[in-house]
Amino acid sequence: MKTYTICGSMRFQKEMQDIAYALEAEKGYAVLQCVYCSDDTVLTDAALARLAEAHYKKIDLSDGIYVVNIDGYIGESVHKEIEYAKANGKDVLYYCETKE
């Protein structure tokens, strides 16, 4: 069983949760998800740094990342996560086809 970390814009929070379910239930992957919080949660710079560090640790623990790029959208943070995954020999799977 392969393990994948979900990577995507928080604007797709609900979709990422649904996709994670499908990847586990239908594909048999183990999925490490982002930490989701309500839209009114105020995050400090320190909290953001800790969340980013935890997310990259999830990538380290995974066989790869699963990029949720709805309508082809990939933000700056996810671009960095893709590069990090590639540099560390991880699989990079995409929800939507890309031109890469």
N, C-alpha and C. Protein backbone atom coordinates (compact mmCIF):
# COMPACT_ATOMS: atom_id res chain seq x y z
N MET A 1 0.85 -1.18 0.00
CA MET A 1 0.00 0.00 0.00
C MET A 1 0.89 1.24 0.00
N LYS A 2 0.65 2.11 -0.95
CA LYS A 2 1.41 3.36 -1.02
C LYS A 2 0.73 4.43 -0.16
N THR A 3 1.57 5.34 0.31
CA THR A 3 1.11 6.46 1.13
C THR A 3 1.35 7.76 0.36
N TYR A 4 0.31 8.60 0.29
CA TYR A 4 0.42 9.88 -0.40
C TYR A 4 -0.04 11.00 0.52
N THR A 5 0.62 12.14 0.41
CA THR A 5 0.23 13.35 1.10
C THR A 5 -0.56 14.22 0.13
N ILE A 6 -1.72 14.68 0.56
CA ILE A 6 -2.54 15.58 -0.25
C ILE A 6 -1.90 16.97 -0.22
N CYS A 7 -1.75 17.57 -1.40
CA CYS A 7 -1.25 18.94 -1.53
C CYS A 7 -2.22 19.72 -2.41
N GLY A 8 -2.62 20.88 -1.94
CA GLY A 8 -3.53 21.70 -2.72
C GLY A 8 -3.88 22.97 -1.97
N SER A 9 -4.48 23.87 -2.70
CA SER A 9 -4.91 25.15 -2.12
C SER A 9 -6.02 24.91 -1.11
N MET A 10 -5.99 25.65 -0.02
CA MET A 10 -7.04 25.54 0.99
C MET A 10 -8.40 25.97 0.45
N ARG A 11 -8.43 26.64 -0.70
CA ARG A 11 -9.73 26.96 -1.32
C ARG A 11 -10.44 25.68 -1.74
N PHE A 12 -9.68 24.57 -1.86
CA PHE A 12 -10.25 23.28 -2.23
C PHE A 12 -10.34 22.33 -1.04
N GLN A 13 -10.48 22.87 0.16
CA GLN A 13 -10.49 22.07 1.38
C GLN A 13 -11.52 20.94 1.32
N LYS A 14 -12.74 21.24 0.98
CA LYS A 14 -13.80 20.22 0.93
C LYS A 14 -13.46 19.17 -0.13
N GLU A 15 -13.02 19.62 -1.29
CA GLU A 15 -12.68 18.69 -2.35
C GLU A 15 -11.53 17.77 -1.94
N MET A 16 -10.53 18.32 -1.24
CA MET A 16 -9.39 17.51 -0.80
C MET A 16 -9.84 16.43 0.18
N GLN A 17 -10.78 16.76 1.04
CA GLN A 17 -11.29 15.75 1.97
C GLN A 17 -12.01 14.64 1.20
N ASP A 18 -12.82 15.01 0.22
CA ASP A 18 -13.54 14.01 -0.59
C ASP A 18 -12.57 13.17 -1.41
N ILE A 19 -11.55 13.80 -1.97
CA ILE A 19 -10.55 13.09 -2.78
C ILE A 19 -9.76 12.13 -1.91
N ALA A 20 -9.39 12.56 -0.70
CA ALA A 20 -8.66 11.68 0.22
C ALA A 20 -9.48 10.44 0.52
N TYR A 21 -10.77 10.61 0.75
CA TYR A 21 -11.64 9.47 1.00
C TYR A 21 -11.62 8.51 -0.20
N ALA A 22 -11.79 9.06 -1.40
CA ALA A 22 -11.82 8.23 -2.60
C ALA A 22 -10.49 7.51 -2.82
N LEU A 23 -9.38 8.18 -2.56
CA LEU A 23 -8.07 7.54 -2.73
C LEU A 23 -7.91 6.35 -1.79
N GLU A 24 -8.41 6.48 -0.59
CA GLU A 24 -8.31 5.37 0.37
C GLU A 24 -9.34 4.28 0.07
N ALA A 25 -10.59 4.66 -0.15
CA ALA A 25 -11.67 3.68 -0.32
C ALA A 25 -11.62 2.99 -1.69
N GLU A 26 -11.24 3.74 -2.72
CA GLU A 26 -11.30 3.18 -4.08
C GLU A 26 -9.94 2.72 -4.61
N LYS A 27 -8.87 3.41 -4.24
CA LYS A 27 -7.54 3.09 -4.76
C LYS A 27 -6.70 2.28 -3.78
N GLY A 28 -7.07 2.30 -2.51
CA GLY A 28 -6.32 1.56 -1.51
C GLY A 28 -5.04 2.24 -1.04
N TYR A 29 -4.95 3.57 -1.25
CA TYR A 29 -3.80 4.32 -0.75
C TYR A 29 -4.03 4.70 0.71
N ALA A 30 -2.95 4.88 1.44
CA ALA A 30 -3.01 5.53 2.74
C ALA A 30 -2.77 7.02 2.47
N VAL A 31 -3.61 7.88 2.99
CA VAL A 31 -3.53 9.30 2.65
C VAL A 31 -3.27 10.13 3.90
N LEU A 32 -2.24 10.97 3.83
CA LEU A 32 -1.96 11.96 4.87
C LEU A 32 -2.53 13.28 4.38
N GLN A 33 -3.41 13.86 5.17
CA GLN A 33 -4.08 15.08 4.74
C GLN A 33 -3.48 16.31 5.38
N CYS A 34 -3.87 17.45 4.82
CA CYS A 34 -3.54 18.74 5.40
C CYS A 34 -4.31 18.89 6.71
N VAL A 35 -3.93 19.86 7.49
CA VAL A 35 -4.71 20.23 8.66
C VAL A 35 -5.71 21.27 8.19
N TYR A 36 -6.99 20.98 8.40
CA TYR A 36 -8.03 21.89 7.97
C TYR A 36 -8.56 22.67 9.17
N CYS A 37 -8.86 23.94 8.94
CA CYS A 37 -9.43 24.74 10.01
C CYS A 37 -10.52 25.62 9.41
N SER A 38 -11.36 26.18 10.26
CA SER A 38 -12.46 27.00 9.77
C SER A 38 -11.92 28.28 9.15
N ASP A 39 -12.73 28.86 8.28
CA ASP A 39 -12.33 30.07 7.57
C ASP A 39 -12.04 31.24 8.48
N ASP A 40 -12.61 31.25 9.69
CA ASP A 40 -12.41 32.38 10.59
C ASP A 40 -11.25 32.17 11.57
N THR A 41 -10.52 31.07 11.40
CA THR A 41 -9.37 30.81 12.26
C THR A 41 -8.24 31.77 11.90
N VAL A 42 -7.71 32.44 12.89
CA VAL A 42 -6.59 33.35 12.68
C VAL A 42 -5.31 32.61 13.06
N LEU A 43 -4.42 32.46 12.09
CA LEU A 43 -3.17 31.74 12.32
C LEU A 43 -2.02 32.71 12.50
N THR A 44 -1.23 32.49 13.51
CA THR A 44 -0.04 33.32 13.72
C THR A 44 1.05 32.85 12.76
N ASP A 45 2.07 33.67 12.60
CA ASP A 45 3.21 33.28 11.77
C ASP A 45 3.86 32.01 12.33
N ALA A 46 3.94 31.91 13.65
CA ALA A 46 4.55 30.72 14.27
C ALA A 46 3.72 29.48 13.97
N ALA A 47 2.40 29.60 14.05
CA ALA A 47 1.53 28.46 13.75
C ALA A 47 1.66 28.05 12.29
N LEU A 48 1.70 29.03 11.40
CA LEU A 48 1.87 28.74 9.98
C LEU A 48 3.19 28.01 9.72
N ALA A 49 4.25 28.44 10.39
CA ALA A 49 5.55 27.80 10.22
C ALA A 49 5.52 26.36 10.72
N ARG A 50 4.86 26.12 11.86
CA ARG A 50 4.75 24.76 12.40
C ARG A 50 3.92 23.87 11.48
N LEU A 51 2.84 24.41 10.93
CA LEU A 51 2.00 23.64 10.02
C LEU A 51 2.77 23.29 8.74
N ALA A 52 3.55 24.24 8.22
CA ALA A 52 4.36 23.97 7.03
C ALA A 52 5.39 22.89 7.31
N GLU A 53 6.05 22.98 8.46
CA GLU A 53 7.05 21.98 8.83
C GLU A 53 6.41 20.60 8.95
N ALA A 54 5.24 20.53 9.54
CA ALA A 54 4.53 19.26 9.68
C ALA A 54 4.13 18.72 8.31
N HIS A 55 3.72 19.60 7.40
CA HIS A 55 3.31 19.17 6.07
C HIS A 55 4.49 18.57 5.30
N TYR A 56 5.65 19.21 5.38
CA TYR A 56 6.84 18.68 4.70
C TYR A 56 7.28 17.36 5.34
N LYS A 57 7.08 17.21 6.63
CA LYS A 57 7.38 15.93 7.29
C LYS A 57 6.47 14.84 6.74
N LYS A 58 5.20 15.17 6.50
CA LYS A 58 4.27 14.21 5.91
C LYS A 58 4.77 13.79 4.52
N ILE A 59 5.27 14.75 3.75
CA ILE A 59 5.82 14.42 2.43
C ILE A 59 7.01 13.47 2.60
N ASP A 60 7.87 13.74 3.58
CA ASP A 60 9.02 12.86 3.83
C ASP A 60 8.57 11.44 4.14
N LEU A 61 7.49 11.29 4.87
CA LEU A 61 7.00 9.97 5.28
C LEU A 61 6.25 9.24 4.16
N SER A 62 5.88 9.96 3.12
CA SER A 62 5.04 9.42 2.05
C SER A 62 5.87 8.86 0.90
N ASP A 63 5.20 8.03 0.11
CA ASP A 63 5.78 7.58 -1.16
C ASP A 63 5.71 8.70 -2.20
N GLY A 64 4.79 9.61 -2.00
CA GLY A 64 4.63 10.70 -2.95
C GLY A 64 3.56 11.67 -2.50
N ILE A 65 3.23 12.60 -3.40
CA ILE A 65 2.19 13.57 -3.13
C ILE A 65 1.09 13.44 -4.17
N TYR A 66 -0.10 13.81 -3.77
CA TYR A 66 -1.24 13.84 -4.68
C TYR A 66 -1.69 15.29 -4.74
N VAL A 67 -1.47 15.92 -5.89
CA VAL A 67 -1.74 17.34 -6.07
C VAL A 67 -3.18 17.54 -6.51
N VAL A 68 -3.94 18.26 -5.70
CA VAL A 68 -5.32 18.60 -6.04
C VAL A 68 -5.27 19.94 -6.76
N ASN A 69 -5.32 19.86 -8.08
CA ASN A 69 -5.18 21.04 -8.94
C ASN A 69 -6.45 21.26 -9.75
N ILE A 70 -7.52 21.53 -9.05
CA ILE A 70 -8.82 21.72 -9.68
C ILE A 70 -8.75 22.90 -10.65
N ASP A 71 -9.29 22.68 -11.84
CA ASP A 71 -9.24 23.67 -12.93
C ASP A 71 -7.79 24.06 -13.25
N GLY A 72 -6.84 23.17 -12.94
CA GLY A 72 -5.44 23.41 -13.24
C GLY A 72 -4.73 24.32 -12.27
N TYR A 73 -5.42 24.77 -11.22
CA TYR A 73 -4.81 25.74 -10.29
C TYR A 73 -3.79 25.08 -9.38
N ILE A 74 -2.57 25.63 -9.40
CA ILE A 74 -1.51 25.23 -8.48
C ILE A 74 -0.88 26.52 -7.96
N GLY A 75 -1.03 26.77 -6.67
CA GLY A 75 -0.48 27.98 -6.07
C GLY A 75 1.00 27.87 -5.77
N GLU A 76 1.56 28.95 -5.29
CA GLU A 76 3.00 29.04 -5.02
C GLU A 76 3.46 28.00 -4.00
N SER A 77 2.72 27.82 -2.92
CA SER A 77 3.11 26.84 -1.89
C SER A 77 3.12 25.43 -2.45
N VAL A 78 2.11 25.11 -3.25
CA VAL A 78 2.04 23.76 -3.81
C VAL A 78 3.15 23.56 -4.84
N HIS A 79 3.49 24.60 -5.60
CA HIS A 79 4.64 24.50 -6.51
C HIS A 79 5.91 24.12 -5.73
N LYS A 80 6.10 24.74 -4.58
CA LYS A 80 7.27 24.42 -3.74
C LYS A 80 7.20 22.99 -3.24
N GLU A 81 6.01 22.52 -2.87
CA GLU A 81 5.85 21.15 -2.40
C GLU A 81 6.14 20.15 -3.52
N ILE A 82 5.72 20.48 -4.74
CA ILE A 82 6.01 19.61 -5.90
C ILE A 82 7.52 19.52 -6.11
N GLU A 83 8.19 20.65 -6.10
CA GLU A 83 9.64 20.65 -6.29
C GLU A 83 10.35 19.88 -5.18
N TYR A 84 9.88 20.04 -3.95
CA TYR A 84 10.46 19.32 -2.81
C TYR A 84 10.28 17.81 -3.00
N ALA A 85 9.07 17.42 -3.38
CA ALA A 85 8.80 16.00 -3.58
C ALA A 85 9.69 15.43 -4.69
N LYS A 86 9.78 16.13 -5.80
CA LYS A 86 10.62 15.66 -6.92
C LYS A 86 12.08 15.57 -6.51
N ALA A 87 12.56 16.58 -5.79
CA ALA A 87 13.97 16.60 -5.36
C ALA A 87 14.29 15.46 -4.41
N ASN A 88 13.26 14.94 -3.75
CA ASN A 88 13.45 13.85 -2.79
C ASN A 88 12.98 12.50 -3.33
N GLY A 89 12.83 12.42 -4.65
CA GLY A 89 12.51 11.16 -5.30
C GLY A 89 11.11 10.63 -5.04
N LYS A 90 10.17 11.51 -4.75
CA LYS A 90 8.80 11.10 -4.45
C LYS A 90 7.95 11.09 -5.72
N ASP A 91 6.94 10.21 -5.76
CA ASP A 91 5.95 10.23 -6.83
C ASP A 91 5.17 11.54 -6.75
N VAL A 92 4.77 12.06 -7.91
CA VAL A 92 3.89 13.23 -7.94
C VAL A 92 2.71 12.87 -8.84
N LEU A 93 1.54 12.72 -8.22
CA LEU A 93 0.31 12.43 -8.95
C LEU A 93 -0.56 13.68 -8.94
N TYR A 94 -1.35 13.84 -10.00
CA TYR A 94 -2.20 15.02 -10.13
C TYR A 94 -3.66 14.62 -10.26
N TYR A 95 -4.52 15.39 -9.64
CA TYR A 95 -5.97 15.18 -9.76
C TYR A 95 -6.42 15.46 -11.19
N CYS A 96 -5.98 16.58 -11.76
CA CYS A 96 -6.27 16.94 -13.15
C CYS A 96 -4.99 16.81 -13.95
N GLU A 97 -5.11 16.51 -15.22
CA GLU A 97 -3.93 16.41 -16.07
C GLU A 97 -3.22 17.75 -16.13
N THR A 98 -1.88 17.70 -16.24
CA THR A 98 -1.10 18.93 -16.36
C THR A 98 -0.27 18.87 -17.62
N LYS A 99 0.32 20.00 -17.96
CA LYS A 99 1.18 20.08 -19.15
C LYS A 99 2.62 19.81 -18.81
N GLU A 100 2.92 19.51 -17.51
CA GLU A 100 4.30 19.24 -17.09
C GLU A 100 4.78 17.92 -17.65
